[in-house]
Amino acid sequence: MHLYHLLSRPLTLGVRGIVTDGDGRIFLVRHTYVDGWYLPGGGVEPDEPAETALRRELEEEGNIELVEPPRLLGVYLNRNASRRDHVLLYRCGAFRQGEPKRPDREIAESGFFSRDALPEGTTAATRRRLSELDITDGRPLFW
């Protein structure tokens, strides 16, 4: 029965991370293949733990290495992708960034932005996630 459900109702899973620097600025990325600025993240591969996927995506998209475990804030349904796509949102604490991410085939731009000066084109979903949080301490406003 499990195999039937897997084939008939495939689920996809993604991760996104809220990373803030010492000045409280939020790390965002702009991809080469889709419009807008996003929180860093991506898909979870088969047999890959979600936290491992988040760490991989942060490294690939921002040269960011987490030095402490991220904290899961919520699970969201991403209806823009499919009726079965879910995204895990994490709050990331201490990190290291050897150097800023240089543009490549996937990432056109990236950087840290003040919450009150997000770049033009920041996606509505990114703005909604940030509006739900008190970025100063990482706690969702509704918890």
Protein backbone atom coordinates (compact mmCIF):
# COMPACT_ATOMS: atom_id res chain seq x y z
CA MET A 1 0.00 0.00 0.00
CA HIS A 2 2.88 2.38 0.78
CA LEU A 3 4.30 1.91 -2.72
CA TYR A 4 0.90 2.69 -4.25
CA HIS A 5 0.67 5.95 -2.28
CA LEU A 6 4.24 6.87 -3.19
CA LEU A 7 3.54 6.43 -6.90
CA SER A 8 0.06 7.93 -6.88
CA ARG A 9 0.78 10.88 -4.60
CA PRO A 10 4.44 11.90 -4.96
CA LEU A 11 5.58 14.50 -2.48
CA THR A 12 8.46 16.91 -2.93
CA LEU A 13 10.33 18.53 -0.09
CA GLY A 14 12.47 21.63 0.02
CA VAL A 15 14.35 23.65 2.61
CA ARG A 16 14.97 27.36 3.10
CA GLY A 17 17.09 29.10 5.69
CA ILE A 18 16.92 32.48 7.37
CA VAL A 19 20.51 33.58 7.88
CA THR A 20 21.23 36.95 9.49
CA ASP A 21 24.57 38.64 10.00
CA GLY A 22 25.77 40.52 13.08
CA ASP A 23 23.89 43.63 11.94
CA GLY A 24 20.59 41.73 11.59
CA ARG A 25 20.69 41.83 7.79
CA ILE A 26 19.07 38.89 5.98
CA PHE A 27 20.88 36.79 3.39
CA LEU A 28 19.02 36.54 0.06
CA VAL A 29 19.85 35.07 -3.33
CA ARG A 30 18.78 35.83 -6.89
CA HIS A 31 18.92 32.83 -9.22
CA THR A 32 19.79 32.88 -12.91
CA TYR A 33 16.82 30.72 -13.91
CA VAL A 34 13.89 32.36 -12.07
CA ASP A 35 12.93 35.95 -11.27
CA GLY A 36 13.09 37.37 -7.77
CA TRP A 37 15.11 37.33 -4.56
CA TYR A 38 14.67 34.36 -2.23
CA LEU A 39 15.82 32.96 1.06
CA PRO A 40 18.56 30.44 0.25
CA GLY A 41 17.52 26.83 -0.12
CA GLY A 42 16.47 24.11 -2.48
CA GLY A 43 15.29 20.57 -2.84
CA VAL A 44 15.94 17.67 -0.50
CA GLU A 45 17.41 14.73 -2.40
CA PRO A 46 16.20 11.14 -1.87
CA ASP A 47 17.76 9.63 1.27
CA GLU A 48 19.10 13.06 2.31
CA PRO A 49 18.21 14.45 5.73
CA ALA A 50 16.61 17.90 5.55
CA GLU A 51 19.30 19.54 7.68
CA THR A 52 21.99 18.12 5.39
CA ALA A 53 20.15 19.55 2.38
CA LEU A 54 19.95 22.96 4.06
CA ARG A 55 23.67 22.94 4.86
CA ARG A 56 24.48 21.90 1.27
CA GLU A 57 22.27 24.61 -0.22
CA LEU A 58 23.71 27.33 2.02
CA GLU A 59 27.23 26.32 0.99
CA GLU A 60 26.33 26.21 -2.71
CA GLU A 61 24.32 29.43 -2.77
CA GLY A 62 26.23 31.58 -0.30
CA ASN A 63 29.54 30.03 0.80
CA ILE A 64 27.84 29.82 4.19
CA GLU A 65 28.84 27.14 6.68
CA LEU A 66 26.62 26.71 9.72
CA VAL A 67 28.53 26.27 12.97
CA GLU A 68 25.49 25.31 15.02
CA PRO A 69 22.36 23.32 14.20
CA PRO A 70 19.55 25.26 12.53
CA ARG A 71 16.14 25.47 14.22
CA LEU A 72 13.01 24.37 12.36
CA LEU A 73 10.45 27.19 12.36
CA GLY A 74 7.68 25.81 10.18
CA VAL A 75 6.46 23.68 7.32
CA TYR A 76 4.80 25.39 4.38
CA LEU A 77 2.83 24.13 1.40
CA ASN A 78 4.25 25.57 -1.82
CA ARG A 79 1.29 25.59 -4.19
CA ASN A 80 3.34 27.41 -6.85
CA ALA A 81 5.31 24.21 -7.43
CA SER A 82 2.61 21.56 -6.96
CA ARG A 83 -0.18 20.46 -4.65
CA ARG A 84 2.32 18.22 -2.85
CA ASP A 85 5.41 20.43 -2.46
CA HIS A 86 6.37 21.28 1.11
CA VAL A 87 9.13 23.57 2.31
CA LEU A 88 10.79 23.40 5.71
CA LEU A 89 11.86 26.83 6.97
CA TYR A 90 14.83 27.00 9.34
CA ARG A 91 16.34 29.75 11.45
CA CYS A 92 20.10 29.57 11.18
CA GLY A 93 22.34 30.78 13.97
CA ALA A 94 26.10 31.20 13.95
CA PHE A 95 27.80 30.73 10.60
CA ARG A 96 31.04 31.31 8.72
CA GLN A 97 31.33 32.81 5.26
CA GLY A 98 34.89 32.64 3.95
CA GLU A 99 34.12 35.09 1.18
CA PRO A 100 30.98 36.41 -0.47
CA LYS A 101 29.46 34.16 -3.12
CA ARG A 102 30.58 35.04 -6.61
CA PRO A 103 28.00 34.85 -9.40
CA ASP A 104 27.90 31.53 -11.25
CA ARG A 105 25.53 29.56 -13.50
CA GLU A 106 22.97 29.20 -10.70
CA ILE A 107 23.35 32.32 -8.54
CA ALA A 108 23.25 35.71 -10.28
CA GLU A 109 23.58 37.73 -7.06
CA SER A 110 23.51 37.27 -3.31
CA GLY A 111 23.98 39.38 -0.26
CA PHE A 112 22.82 40.55 3.13
CA PHE A 113 20.01 43.10 3.20
CA SER A 114 18.37 45.16 5.90
CA ARG A 115 14.84 44.05 6.61
CA ASP A 116 13.55 47.53 5.80
CA ALA A 117 15.57 47.71 2.54
CA LEU A 118 14.98 44.37 0.82
CA PRO A 119 15.95 44.40 -2.85
CA GLU A 120 13.37 45.13 -5.52
CA GLY A 121 11.95 41.82 -6.69
CA THR A 122 12.02 40.09 -3.31
CA THR A 123 9.31 37.47 -3.72
CA ALA A 124 5.96 37.73 -1.98
CA ALA A 125 6.54 34.39 -0.26
CA THR A 126 9.91 35.58 1.08
CA ARG A 127 8.32 38.78 2.37
CA ARG A 128 5.51 36.77 4.02
CA ARG A 129 7.95 34.48 5.81
CA LEU A 130 9.97 37.43 7.06
CA SER A 131 6.84 39.29 8.20
CA GLU A 132 5.88 36.29 10.33
CA LEU A 133 9.14 36.42 12.24
CA ASP A 134 10.80 38.61 14.77
CA ILE A 135 14.20 38.47 13.09
CA THR A 136 15.97 40.00 16.09
CA ASP A 137 15.63 36.78 18.04
CA GLY A 138 14.35 34.35 15.40
CA ARG A 139 11.07 33.53 17.12
CA PRO A 140 7.91 33.43 15.04
CA LEU A 141 5.59 36.22 16.12
CA PHE A 142 2.72 33.78 16.49
CA TRP A 143 4.51 31.38 18.87
